[in-house]
Amino acid sequence: MADDGGAKNIQESVRVAESKTSAEFVVAIQPQSGNYRDIDLIAAATVTAAAMLFAFFGPVVVNPDFVPLNLLVVFGLVWLASSKIPHIRRWLTSEERRKGQVKR
């Protein structure tokens, strides 16, 4: 609803509906249709697992003392990015999942 056309359409629809009943309509718009926390955590766990495999088996020598801290930072950054950037979450979820969330 970033455009004024959508907001005006909603206002007109509410006005028409309220004129036909004694009820008061209140429109609430949510930024997302549901909870995608599982997607954020799966993304973070997957990238962290890949980082761990790279740390242990990659061509670069990594100091093992810092691996746990580095993995925690990677997990946190990926989780934060996935939870705050809608394009990442949209890329990680199927259209079927998003439609299912809307129907709930």
N, C-alpha and C. Protein backbone atom coordinates (compact mmCIF):
# COMPACT_ATOMS: atom_id res chain seq x y z
N MET A 1 0.82 -1.19 0.00
CA MET A 1 0.00 0.00 0.00
C MET A 1 0.87 1.25 0.00
N ALA A 2 1.96 1.18 -0.67
CA ALA A 2 2.86 2.33 -0.70
C ALA A 2 2.32 3.46 -1.56
N ASP A 3 1.40 3.13 -2.46
CA ASP A 3 0.89 4.19 -3.34
C ASP A 3 -0.44 4.73 -2.82
N ASP A 4 -0.76 5.95 -3.21
CA ASP A 4 -2.01 6.58 -2.77
C ASP A 4 -3.23 5.95 -3.42
N GLY A 5 -3.07 5.37 -4.60
CA GLY A 5 -4.19 4.73 -5.28
C GLY A 5 -4.76 3.57 -4.47
N GLY A 6 -3.90 2.77 -3.89
CA GLY A 6 -4.35 1.66 -3.07
C GLY A 6 -5.05 2.13 -1.82
N ALA A 7 -4.51 3.16 -1.19
CA ALA A 7 -5.13 3.70 0.03
C ALA A 7 -6.49 4.30 -0.28
N LYS A 8 -6.60 5.00 -1.39
CA LYS A 8 -7.89 5.59 -1.76
C LYS A 8 -8.91 4.52 -2.10
N ASN A 9 -8.45 3.45 -2.72
CA ASN A 9 -9.34 2.33 -3.03
C ASN A 9 -9.88 1.70 -1.76
N ILE A 10 -9.02 1.52 -0.77
CA ILE A 10 -9.45 0.96 0.52
C ILE A 10 -10.42 1.90 1.21
N GLN A 11 -10.12 3.19 1.21
CA GLN A 11 -11.01 4.17 1.85
C GLN A 11 -12.38 4.17 1.19
N GLU A 12 -12.41 4.09 -0.11
CA GLU A 12 -13.70 4.06 -0.83
C GLU A 12 -14.46 2.78 -0.51
N SER A 13 -13.77 1.66 -0.47
CA SER A 13 -14.43 0.39 -0.14
C SER A 13 -15.00 0.41 1.26
N VAL A 14 -14.26 0.96 2.21
CA VAL A 14 -14.75 1.06 3.59
C VAL A 14 -15.95 2.00 3.66
N ARG A 15 -15.88 3.12 2.96
CA ARG A 15 -16.99 4.07 2.95
C ARG A 15 -18.26 3.42 2.40
N VAL A 16 -18.14 2.67 1.31
CA VAL A 16 -19.30 1.99 0.72
C VAL A 16 -19.84 0.94 1.68
N ALA A 17 -18.96 0.16 2.29
CA ALA A 17 -19.40 -0.88 3.22
C ALA A 17 -20.07 -0.27 4.45
N GLU A 18 -19.51 0.81 4.99
CA GLU A 18 -20.09 1.44 6.17
C GLU A 18 -21.44 2.08 5.87
N SER A 19 -21.65 2.51 4.63
CA SER A 19 -22.94 3.11 4.29
C SER A 19 -24.06 2.07 4.24
N LYS A 20 -23.71 0.79 4.15
CA LYS A 20 -24.71 -0.27 4.05
C LYS A 20 -24.95 -0.98 5.38
N THR A 21 -24.27 -0.55 6.42
CA THR A 21 -24.43 -1.21 7.72
C THR A 21 -24.18 -0.19 8.83
N SER A 22 -24.52 -0.58 10.04
CA SER A 22 -24.27 0.31 11.17
C SER A 22 -22.91 0.02 11.82
N ALA A 23 -22.17 -0.91 11.23
CA ALA A 23 -20.87 -1.28 11.78
C ALA A 23 -19.80 -0.26 11.40
N GLU A 24 -18.80 -0.18 12.24
CA GLU A 24 -17.64 0.68 11.98
C GLU A 24 -16.49 -0.22 11.53
N PHE A 25 -15.89 0.07 10.39
CA PHE A 25 -14.79 -0.72 9.87
C PHE A 25 -13.47 -0.05 10.21
N VAL A 26 -12.53 -0.86 10.66
CA VAL A 26 -11.17 -0.38 10.92
C VAL A 26 -10.23 -1.26 10.11
N VAL A 27 -9.41 -0.64 9.30
CA VAL A 27 -8.48 -1.36 8.44
C VAL A 27 -7.11 -1.38 9.11
N ALA A 28 -6.55 -2.57 9.22
CA ALA A 28 -5.20 -2.72 9.77
C ALA A 28 -4.33 -3.41 8.72
N ILE A 29 -3.22 -2.81 8.39
CA ILE A 29 -2.32 -3.37 7.38
C ILE A 29 -1.05 -3.83 8.08
N GLN A 30 -0.71 -5.09 7.87
CA GLN A 30 0.47 -5.68 8.49
C GLN A 30 1.62 -5.69 7.48
N PRO A 31 2.85 -5.54 7.94
CA PRO A 31 3.98 -5.55 7.01
C PRO A 31 4.27 -6.94 6.42
N GLN A 32 3.81 -7.99 7.10
CA GLN A 32 3.98 -9.34 6.57
C GLN A 32 2.80 -10.18 7.01
N SER A 33 2.56 -11.25 6.28
CA SER A 33 1.35 -12.03 6.51
C SER A 33 1.50 -13.06 7.62
N GLY A 34 2.69 -13.36 8.02
CA GLY A 34 2.86 -14.38 9.05
C GLY A 34 4.26 -14.41 9.61
N ASN A 35 4.54 -15.48 10.31
CA ASN A 35 5.81 -15.64 10.99
C ASN A 35 6.72 -16.53 10.13
N TYR A 36 7.87 -16.03 9.78
CA TYR A 36 8.83 -16.78 8.98
C TYR A 36 10.12 -17.02 9.77
N ARG A 37 10.02 -17.11 11.07
CA ARG A 37 11.20 -17.28 11.92
C ARG A 37 11.96 -18.56 11.57
N ASP A 38 11.22 -19.61 11.22
CA ASP A 38 11.87 -20.87 10.86
C ASP A 38 12.76 -20.71 9.62
N ILE A 39 12.32 -19.91 8.67
CA ILE A 39 13.12 -19.67 7.47
C ILE A 39 14.40 -18.93 7.83
N ASP A 40 14.30 -17.95 8.71
CA ASP A 40 15.48 -17.19 9.14
C ASP A 40 16.49 -18.11 9.82
N LEU A 41 16.01 -18.98 10.70
CA LEU A 41 16.91 -19.87 11.43
C LEU A 41 17.52 -20.94 10.52
N ILE A 42 16.74 -21.46 9.58
CA ILE A 42 17.27 -22.45 8.64
C ILE A 42 18.35 -21.82 7.76
N ALA A 43 18.11 -20.60 7.31
CA ALA A 43 19.11 -19.90 6.50
C ALA A 43 20.39 -19.69 7.29
N ALA A 44 20.25 -19.24 8.53
CA ALA A 44 21.43 -19.00 9.37
C ALA A 44 22.18 -20.30 9.65
N ALA A 45 21.46 -21.36 9.94
CA ALA A 45 22.11 -22.65 10.23
C ALA A 45 22.82 -23.19 8.99
N THR A 46 22.21 -23.04 7.83
CA THR A 46 22.81 -23.55 6.59
C THR A 46 24.09 -22.80 6.25
N VAL A 47 24.06 -21.49 6.33
CA VAL A 47 25.26 -20.71 6.01
C VAL A 47 26.34 -20.96 7.06
N THR A 48 25.95 -21.12 8.32
CA THR A 48 26.93 -21.41 9.37
C THR A 48 27.57 -22.77 9.15
N ALA A 49 26.79 -23.76 8.74
CA ALA A 49 27.35 -25.09 8.45
C ALA A 49 28.33 -25.01 7.29
N ALA A 50 27.99 -24.24 6.27
CA ALA A 50 28.91 -24.07 5.14
C ALA A 50 30.19 -23.37 5.58
N ALA A 51 30.06 -22.37 6.44
CA ALA A 51 31.24 -21.67 6.95
C ALA A 51 32.11 -22.60 7.79
N MET A 52 31.48 -23.48 8.56
CA MET A 52 32.24 -24.43 9.37
C MET A 52 32.99 -25.42 8.47
N LEU A 53 32.32 -25.91 7.44
CA LEU A 53 32.99 -26.82 6.51
C LEU A 53 34.17 -26.13 5.83
N PHE A 54 33.98 -24.88 5.46
CA PHE A 54 35.08 -24.14 4.84
C PHE A 54 36.22 -23.94 5.83
N ALA A 55 35.90 -23.65 7.08
CA ALA A 55 36.94 -23.42 8.09
C ALA A 55 37.76 -24.69 8.33
N PHE A 56 37.10 -25.85 8.30
CA PHE A 56 37.82 -27.09 8.59
C PHE A 56 38.48 -27.71 7.36
N PHE A 57 37.83 -27.59 6.20
CA PHE A 57 38.32 -28.29 5.02
C PHE A 57 38.74 -27.38 3.88
N GLY A 58 38.62 -26.09 4.05
CA GLY A 58 38.95 -25.15 2.98
C GLY A 58 40.45 -24.98 2.81
N PRO A 59 40.84 -24.29 1.75
CA PRO A 59 42.27 -24.12 1.46
C PRO A 59 42.97 -23.11 2.37
N VAL A 60 42.20 -22.36 3.14
CA VAL A 60 42.77 -21.34 4.01
C VAL A 60 42.93 -21.93 5.41
N VAL A 61 44.07 -21.66 6.05
CA VAL A 61 44.29 -22.13 7.41
C VAL A 61 43.59 -21.16 8.37
N VAL A 62 42.73 -21.72 9.20
CA VAL A 62 41.95 -20.92 10.14
C VAL A 62 42.37 -21.31 11.55
N ASN A 63 42.59 -20.31 12.39
CA ASN A 63 42.94 -20.57 13.78
C ASN A 63 41.74 -21.21 14.48
N PRO A 64 41.87 -22.43 14.98
CA PRO A 64 40.73 -23.12 15.58
C PRO A 64 40.20 -22.46 16.85
N ASP A 65 41.01 -21.60 17.47
CA ASP A 65 40.54 -20.93 18.68
C ASP A 65 39.40 -19.96 18.39
N PHE A 66 39.37 -19.42 17.18
CA PHE A 66 38.37 -18.42 16.84
C PHE A 66 37.19 -18.97 16.04
N VAL A 67 37.21 -20.24 15.71
CA VAL A 67 36.12 -20.81 14.90
C VAL A 67 34.77 -20.68 15.59
N PRO A 68 34.62 -21.03 16.87
CA PRO A 68 33.29 -20.89 17.49
C PRO A 68 32.76 -19.45 17.48
N LEU A 69 33.63 -18.50 17.77
CA LEU A 69 33.20 -17.10 17.75
C LEU A 69 32.81 -16.66 16.34
N ASN A 70 33.63 -17.06 15.36
CA ASN A 70 33.31 -16.71 13.98
C ASN A 70 31.98 -17.32 13.54
N LEU A 71 31.74 -18.55 13.93
CA LEU A 71 30.48 -19.20 13.55
C LEU A 71 29.29 -18.52 14.22
N LEU A 72 29.46 -18.10 15.46
CA LEU A 72 28.39 -17.35 16.13
C LEU A 72 28.09 -16.04 15.41
N VAL A 73 29.13 -15.35 15.00
CA VAL A 73 28.95 -14.08 14.28
C VAL A 73 28.27 -14.33 12.94
N VAL A 74 28.69 -15.35 12.22
CA VAL A 74 28.06 -15.67 10.93
C VAL A 74 26.59 -16.00 11.13
N PHE A 75 26.29 -16.83 12.12
CA PHE A 75 24.89 -17.19 12.38
C PHE A 75 24.06 -15.94 12.68
N GLY A 76 24.57 -15.10 13.56
CA GLY A 76 23.83 -13.89 13.93
C GLY A 76 23.62 -12.94 12.77
N LEU A 77 24.64 -12.76 11.95
CA LEU A 77 24.52 -11.84 10.82
C LEU A 77 23.54 -12.35 9.77
N VAL A 78 23.60 -13.65 9.48
CA VAL A 78 22.67 -14.21 8.49
C VAL A 78 21.25 -14.18 9.03
N TRP A 79 21.07 -14.53 10.29
CA TRP A 79 19.73 -14.48 10.88
C TRP A 79 19.18 -13.06 10.85
N LEU A 80 20.00 -12.10 11.21
CA LEU A 80 19.57 -10.70 11.20
C LEU A 80 19.23 -10.23 9.78
N ALA A 81 20.08 -10.56 8.84
CA ALA A 81 19.82 -10.15 7.45
C ALA A 81 18.54 -10.78 6.93
N SER A 82 18.34 -12.05 7.20
CA SER A 82 17.14 -12.74 6.72
C SER A 82 15.88 -12.20 7.38
N SER A 83 15.98 -11.82 8.63
CA SER A 83 14.78 -11.34 9.33
C SER A 83 14.45 -9.89 9.02
N LYS A 84 15.43 -9.10 8.58
CA LYS A 84 15.20 -7.67 8.37
C LYS A 84 15.10 -7.26 6.91
N ILE A 85 15.61 -8.08 5.99
CA ILE A 85 15.58 -7.72 4.57
C ILE A 85 14.52 -8.57 3.87
N PRO A 86 13.41 -7.97 3.51
CA PRO A 86 12.29 -8.74 2.93
C PRO A 86 12.66 -9.50 1.65
N HIS A 87 13.57 -8.97 0.85
CA HIS A 87 13.93 -9.64 -0.40
C HIS A 87 14.60 -10.99 -0.14
N ILE A 88 15.39 -11.08 0.90
CA ILE A 88 16.05 -12.35 1.23
C ILE A 88 15.00 -13.37 1.65
N ARG A 89 14.10 -12.96 2.52
CA ARG A 89 13.06 -13.87 2.99
C ARG A 89 12.16 -14.31 1.84
N ARG A 90 11.85 -13.39 0.95
CA ARG A 90 11.02 -13.73 -0.20
C ARG A 90 11.74 -14.73 -1.11
N TRP A 91 13.04 -14.56 -1.27
CA TRP A 91 13.82 -15.47 -2.09
C TRP A 91 13.88 -16.87 -1.46
N LEU A 92 13.86 -16.94 -0.14
CA LEU A 92 13.99 -18.22 0.56
C LEU A 92 12.66 -18.96 0.75
N THR A 93 11.55 -18.30 0.53
CA THR A 93 10.25 -18.95 0.72
C THR A 93 9.58 -19.20 -0.62
N SER A 94 8.80 -20.26 -0.65
CA SER A 94 8.07 -20.57 -1.88
C SER A 94 6.80 -19.73 -1.96
N GLU A 95 6.29 -19.60 -3.17
CA GLU A 95 5.05 -18.85 -3.35
C GLU A 95 3.91 -19.55 -2.61
N GLU A 96 3.95 -20.87 -2.60
CA GLU A 96 2.92 -21.65 -1.88
C GLU A 96 2.95 -21.34 -0.39
N ARG A 97 4.13 -21.23 0.18
CA ARG A 97 4.25 -20.91 1.61
C ARG A 97 3.70 -19.52 1.89
N ARG A 98 4.05 -18.55 1.06
CA ARG A 98 3.57 -17.19 1.27
C ARG A 98 2.05 -17.11 1.14
N LYS A 99 1.48 -17.80 0.16
CA LYS A 99 0.03 -17.80 0.00
C LYS A 99 -0.65 -18.48 1.18
N GLY A 100 -0.04 -19.55 1.69
CA GLY A 100 -0.58 -20.22 2.87
C GLY A 100 -0.59 -19.33 4.09
N GLN A 101 0.44 -18.53 4.25
CA GLN A 101 0.50 -17.59 5.38
C GLN A 101 -0.60 -16.54 5.27
N VAL A 102 -0.88 -16.09 4.06
CA VAL A 102 -1.92 -15.08 3.86
C VAL A 102 -3.29 -15.64 4.22
N LYS A 103 -3.53 -16.91 3.89
CA LYS A 103 -4.84 -17.52 4.13
C LYS A 103 -5.12 -17.78 5.60
N ARG A 104 -4.09 -17.84 6.42
CA ARG A 104 -4.30 -18.13 7.85
C ARG A 104 -4.98 -17.01 8.55
